[in-house]
């Protein structure tokens, strides 16, 4: 395993662990919210930590989908292309479009994060800094950009093979 493959493997395992942890936190807190509210009749505010964990779960899920090339696609055109170079060119075009979109998303996330540093805000009840979920969004933008670049490199390599 090359050093780059090793780094990719470590990142993949970290994303998997984060997804499991975030899923468990969301599930546990939602069950706790239901039990405390409807069984015990108590009003315990758990929505804010649920939402923070859910944002992390969604963003980690987006990176895992990008890693596995399982993000939303329309594959009708890809299924009609027969030559391997044609398939690779189609994959390269998709990767380029994904890179463009993730660059816009990354810039937006950076601006959002910068604004959050200039004007810090917190959630009303637990005072959780909003920079925490914003950081999840920014990391997902960068992670998806990295996977799109990986896909472009792979498609260009397949196009060059004769």
C-alpha atoms as a PDB file:
ATOM      1  CA  UNK A   1       0.000   0.000   0.000  1.00  0.00           C
ATOM      2  CA  UNK A   2       1.467   3.348  -1.048  1.00  0.00           C
ATOM      3  CA  UNK A   3       1.629   6.207   1.461  1.00  0.00           C
ATOM      4  CA  UNK A   4      -1.169   8.003  -0.411  1.00  0.00           C
ATOM      5  CA  UNK A   5      -3.363   4.894  -0.333  1.00  0.00           C
ATOM      6  CA  UNK A   6      -2.619   4.531   3.378  1.00  0.00           C
ATOM      7  CA  UNK A   7      -3.715   8.109   4.039  1.00  0.00           C
ATOM      8  CA  UNK A   8      -6.876   7.507   2.019  1.00  0.00           C
ATOM      9  CA  UNK A   9      -7.573   4.364   4.024  1.00  0.00           C
ATOM     10  CA  UNK A  10      -7.094   6.218   7.331  1.00  0.00           C
ATOM     11  CA  UNK A  11      -9.421   9.035   6.211  1.00  0.00           C
ATOM     12  CA  UNK A  12     -12.013   6.479   5.090  1.00  0.00           C
ATOM     13  CA  UNK A  13     -11.929   4.708   8.465  1.00  0.00           C
ATOM     14  CA  UNK A  14     -12.189   8.046  10.313  1.00  0.00           C
ATOM     15  CA  UNK A  15     -15.248   8.977   8.240  1.00  0.00           C
ATOM     16  CA  UNK A  16     -16.817   5.588   8.960  1.00  0.00           C
ATOM     17  CA  UNK A  17     -16.234   5.984  12.702  1.00  0.00           C
ATOM     18  CA  UNK A  18     -17.598   9.542  12.662  1.00  0.00           C
ATOM     19  CA  UNK A  19     -20.710   8.364  10.818  1.00  0.00           C
ATOM     20  CA  UNK A  20     -21.347   5.623  13.373  1.00  0.00           C
ATOM     21  CA  UNK A  21     -20.771   7.955  16.324  1.00  0.00           C
ATOM     22  CA  UNK A  22     -23.001  10.687  14.865  1.00  0.00           C
ATOM     23  CA  UNK A  23     -25.716   8.115  14.098  1.00  0.00           C
ATOM     24  CA  UNK A  24     -25.590   6.785  17.644  1.00  0.00           C
ATOM     25  CA  UNK A  25     -25.697  10.283  19.136  1.00  0.00           C
ATOM     26  CA  UNK A  26     -28.676  11.313  16.993  1.00  0.00           C
ATOM     27  CA  UNK A  27     -30.523   8.077  17.764  1.00  0.00           C
ATOM     28  CA  UNK A  28     -29.785   8.142  21.491  1.00  0.00           C
ATOM     29  CA  UNK A  29     -30.733  11.804  21.897  1.00  0.00           C
ATOM     30  CA  UNK A  30     -33.940  11.426  19.881  1.00  0.00           C
ATOM     31  CA  UNK A  31     -34.997   8.396  21.942  1.00  0.00           C
ATOM     32  CA  UNK A  32     -34.133  10.310  25.121  1.00  0.00           C
ATOM     33  CA  UNK A  33     -36.186  13.285  23.889  1.00  0.00           C
ATOM     34  CA  UNK A  34     -39.224  11.074  23.234  1.00  0.00           C
ATOM     35  CA  UNK A  35     -38.928   9.233  26.559  1.00  0.00           C
ATOM     36  CA  UNK A  36     -38.454  12.373  28.631  1.00  0.00           C
ATOM     37  CA  UNK A  37     -41.244  14.271  26.893  1.00  0.00           C
ATOM     38  CA  UNK A  38     -43.918  11.638  26.302  1.00  0.00           C
ATOM     39  CA  UNK A  39     -43.211   8.998  28.940  1.00  0.00           C
ATOM     40  CA  UNK A  40     -41.902  11.075  31.835  1.00  0.00           C
ATOM     41  CA  UNK A  41     -43.733  14.289  30.949  1.00  0.00           C
ATOM     42  CA  UNK A  42     -40.569  16.363  31.292  1.00  0.00           C
ATOM     43  CA  UNK A  43     -39.484  19.106  28.965  1.00  0.00           C
ATOM     44  CA  UNK A  44     -35.807  18.405  28.331  1.00  0.00           C
ATOM     45  CA  UNK A  45     -34.281  20.435  25.510  1.00  0.00           C
ATOM     46  CA  UNK A  46     -32.284  18.087  23.289  1.00  0.00           C
ATOM     47  CA  UNK A  47     -33.094  19.489  19.869  1.00  0.00           C
ATOM     48  CA  UNK A  48     -29.938  21.615  19.627  1.00  0.00           C
ATOM     49  CA  UNK A  49     -27.413  18.780  20.177  1.00  0.00           C
ATOM     50  CA  UNK A  50     -29.539  16.541  17.924  1.00  0.00           C
ATOM     51  CA  UNK A  51     -29.315  19.108  15.133  1.00  0.00           C
ATOM     52  CA  UNK A  52     -25.543  19.558  15.539  1.00  0.00           C
ATOM     53  CA  UNK A  53     -25.002  15.788  15.406  1.00  0.00           C
ATOM     54  CA  UNK A  54     -27.406  15.497  12.444  1.00  0.00           C
ATOM     55  CA  UNK A  55     -25.499  18.130  10.452  1.00  0.00           C
ATOM     56  CA  UNK A  56     -22.275  16.217  11.122  1.00  0.00           C
ATOM     57  CA  UNK A  57     -23.973  12.968  10.079  1.00  0.00           C
ATOM     58  CA  UNK A  58     -25.284  14.488   6.823  1.00  0.00           C
ATOM     59  CA  UNK A  59     -21.922  15.991   5.917  1.00  0.00           C
ATOM     60  CA  UNK A  60     -19.959  12.835   6.744  1.00  0.00           C
ATOM     61  CA  UNK A  61     -22.532  10.887   4.737  1.00  0.00           C
ATOM     62  CA  UNK A  62     -21.936  13.176   1.771  1.00  0.00           C
ATOM     63  CA  UNK A  63     -18.197  12.540   1.967  1.00  0.00           C
ATOM     64  CA  UNK A  64     -18.718   8.771   2.253  1.00  0.00           C
ATOM     65  CA  UNK A  65     -21.034   8.846  -0.771  1.00  0.00           C
ATOM     66  CA  UNK A  66     -18.407  10.792  -2.722  1.00  0.00           C
ATOM     67  CA  UNK A  67     -15.704   8.372  -1.625  1.00  0.00           C
ATOM     68  CA  UNK A  68     -17.774   5.401  -2.815  1.00  0.00           C
ATOM     69  CA  UNK A  69     -18.988   7.202  -5.945  1.00  0.00           C
ATOM     70  CA  UNK A  70     -22.550   6.701  -4.728  1.00  0.00           C
ATOM     71  CA  UNK A  71     -23.718  10.303  -4.888  1.00  0.00           C
ATOM     72  CA  UNK A  72     -26.743  11.164  -6.978  1.00  0.00           C
ATOM     73  CA  UNK A  73     -26.172  10.479 -10.645  1.00  0.00           C
ATOM     74  CA  UNK A  74     -28.145  10.043 -13.809  1.00  0.00           C
ATOM     75  CA  UNK A  75     -26.597   7.005 -15.406  1.00  0.00           C
ATOM     76  CA  UNK A  76     -28.687   6.653 -18.570  1.00  0.00           C
ATOM     77  CA  UNK A  77     -26.038   8.336 -20.716  1.00  0.00           C
ATOM     78  CA  UNK A  78     -23.220   6.443 -19.015  1.00  0.00           C
ATOM     79  CA  UNK A  79     -25.000   3.161 -19.748  1.00  0.00           C
ATOM     80  CA  UNK A  80     -25.257   3.967 -23.461  1.00  0.00           C
ATOM     81  CA  UNK A  81     -21.544   4.728 -23.870  1.00  0.00           C
ATOM     82  CA  UNK A  82     -19.659   1.581 -24.911  1.00  0.00           C
ATOM     83  CA  UNK A  83     -15.999   2.449 -25.644  1.00  0.00           C
ATOM     84  CA  UNK A  84     -13.831   2.513 -22.485  1.00  0.00           C
ATOM     85  CA  UNK A  85     -12.289   5.855 -23.486  1.00  0.00           C
ATOM     86  CA  UNK A  86     -15.766   7.291 -24.008  1.00  0.00           C
ATOM     87  CA  UNK A  87     -16.815   6.104 -20.564  1.00  0.00           C
ATOM     88  CA  UNK A  88     -13.648   7.620 -19.094  1.00  0.00           C
ATOM     89  CA  UNK A  89     -14.289  10.928 -20.908  1.00  0.00           C
ATOM     90  CA  UNK A  90     -17.835  10.967 -19.528  1.00  0.00           C
ATOM     91  CA  UNK A  91     -16.504  10.298 -16.017  1.00  0.00           C
ATOM     92  CA  UNK A  92     -13.958  13.100 -16.486  1.00  0.00           C
ATOM     93  CA  UNK A  93     -16.708  15.517 -17.491  1.00  0.00           C
ATOM     94  CA  UNK A  94     -18.744  14.559 -14.432  1.00  0.00           C
ATOM     95  CA  UNK A  95     -15.658  14.993 -12.223  1.00  0.00           C
ATOM     96  CA  UNK A  96     -14.940  18.441 -13.717  1.00  0.00           C
ATOM     97  CA  UNK A  97     -18.528  19.562 -13.104  1.00  0.00           C
ATOM     98  CA  UNK A  98     -18.357  18.186  -9.576  1.00  0.00           C
ATOM     99  CA  UNK A  99     -15.086  20.016  -8.960  1.00  0.00           C
ATOM    100  CA  UNK A 100     -16.630  23.286 -10.147  1.00  0.00           C
ATOM    101  CA  UNK A 101     -19.656  22.831  -7.883  1.00  0.00           C
ATOM    102  CA  UNK A 102     -17.570  21.827  -4.875  1.00  0.00           C
ATOM    103  CA  UNK A 103     -15.290  24.830  -5.372  1.00  0.00           C
ATOM    104  CA  UNK A 104     -18.341  27.084  -5.199  1.00  0.00           C
ATOM    105  CA  UNK A 105     -19.559  25.139  -2.160  1.00  0.00           C
ATOM    106  CA  UNK A 106     -16.119  25.393  -0.507  1.00  0.00           C
ATOM    107  CA  UNK A 107     -15.951  29.158  -1.074  1.00  0.00           C
ATOM    108  CA  UNK A 108     -19.467  29.554   0.330  1.00  0.00           C
ATOM    109  CA  UNK A 109     -18.555  27.420   3.374  1.00  0.00           C
ATOM    110  CA  UNK A 110     -15.371  29.443   3.932  1.00  0.00           C
ATOM    111  CA  UNK A 111     -17.316  32.711   3.774  1.00  0.00           C
ATOM    112  CA  UNK A 112     -19.942  31.332   6.139  1.00  0.00           C
ATOM    113  CA  UNK A 113     -17.251  30.182   8.561  1.00  0.00           C
ATOM    114  CA  UNK A 114     -15.418  33.536   8.324  1.00  0.00           C
ATOM    115  CA  UNK A 115     -18.653  35.394   8.993  1.00  0.00           C
ATOM    116  CA  UNK A 116     -19.239  33.115  11.988  1.00  0.00           C
ATOM    117  CA  UNK A 117     -15.828  34.051  13.372  1.00  0.00           C
ATOM    118  CA  UNK A 118     -16.516  37.775  12.931  1.00  0.00           C
ATOM    119  CA  UNK A 119     -20.011  37.591  14.418  1.00  0.00           C
ATOM    120  CA  UNK A 120     -20.037  34.590  16.734  1.00  0.00           C
ATOM    121  CA  UNK A 121     -23.462  33.114  17.330  1.00  0.00           C
ATOM    122  CA  UNK A 122     -24.644  30.343  19.593  1.00  0.00           C
ATOM    123  CA  UNK A 123     -27.746  28.219  19.925  1.00  0.00           C
ATOM    124  CA  UNK A 124     -30.348  29.675  22.308  1.00  0.00           C
ATOM    125  CA  UNK A 125     -30.513  26.987  25.006  1.00  0.00           C
ATOM    126  CA  UNK A 126     -27.131  25.241  25.285  1.00  0.00           C
ATOM    127  CA  UNK A 127     -25.150  28.085  23.729  1.00  0.00           C
ATOM    128  CA  UNK A 128     -23.444  25.713  21.278  1.00  0.00           C
ATOM    129  CA  UNK A 129     -21.274  27.818  18.931  1.00  0.00           C
ATOM    130  CA  UNK A 130     -22.680  27.713  15.410  1.00  0.00           C
ATOM    131  CA  UNK A 131     -19.132  27.418  14.125  1.00  0.00           C
ATOM    132  CA  UNK A 132     -19.300  23.712  15.051  1.00  0.00           C
ATOM    133  CA  UNK A 133     -21.936  22.742  12.461  1.00  0.00           C
ATOM    134  CA  UNK A 134     -20.429  25.267  10.040  1.00  0.00           C
ATOM    135  CA  UNK A 135     -17.097  23.465  10.379  1.00  0.00           C
ATOM    136  CA  UNK A 136     -18.830  20.192   9.448  1.00  0.00           C
ATOM    137  CA  UNK A 137     -20.142  21.828   6.283  1.00  0.00           C
ATOM    138  CA  UNK A 138     -16.715  23.209   5.387  1.00  0.00           C
ATOM    139  CA  UNK A 139     -14.968  19.890   5.948  1.00  0.00           C
ATOM    140  CA  UNK A 140     -17.562  18.152   3.758  1.00  0.00           C
ATOM    141  CA  UNK A 141     -16.979  20.699   1.009  1.00  0.00           C
ATOM    142  CA  UNK A 142     -13.225  20.132   1.104  1.00  0.00           C
ATOM    143  CA  UNK A 143     -13.605  16.357   1.381  1.00  0.00           C
ATOM    144  CA  UNK A 144     -16.001  16.141  -1.572  1.00  0.00           C
ATOM    145  CA  UNK A 145     -13.659  18.375  -3.585  1.00  0.00           C
ATOM    146  CA  UNK A 146     -10.785  16.007  -2.828  1.00  0.00           C
ATOM    147  CA  UNK A 147     -12.789  12.978  -3.940  1.00  0.00           C
ATOM    148  CA  UNK A 148     -13.863  14.772  -7.142  1.00  0.00           C
ATOM    149  CA  UNK A 149     -10.207  15.525  -7.926  1.00  0.00           C
ATOM    150  CA  UNK A 150      -9.400  11.854  -7.296  1.00  0.00           C
ATOM    151  CA  UNK A 151     -12.173  10.864  -9.733  1.00  0.00           C
ATOM    152  CA  UNK A 152     -10.871  13.273 -12.379  1.00  0.00           C
ATOM    153  CA  UNK A 153      -7.331  11.920 -12.101  1.00  0.00           C
ATOM    154  CA  UNK A 154      -8.612   8.352 -12.415  1.00  0.00           C
ATOM    155  CA  UNK A 155     -10.748   9.207 -15.464  1.00  0.00           C
ATOM    156  CA  UNK A 156      -7.867  11.018 -17.179  1.00  0.00           C
ATOM    157  CA  UNK A 157      -5.616   8.013 -16.548  1.00  0.00           C
ATOM    158  CA  UNK A 158      -8.220   5.686 -18.096  1.00  0.00           C
ATOM    159  CA  UNK A 159      -8.564   8.008 -21.101  1.00  0.00           C
ATOM    160  CA  UNK A 160      -4.808   7.860 -21.679  1.00  0.00           C
ATOM    161  CA  UNK A 161      -4.731   4.057 -21.780  1.00  0.00           C
ATOM    162  CA  UNK A 162      -4.787   2.712 -25.325  1.00  0.00           C
END
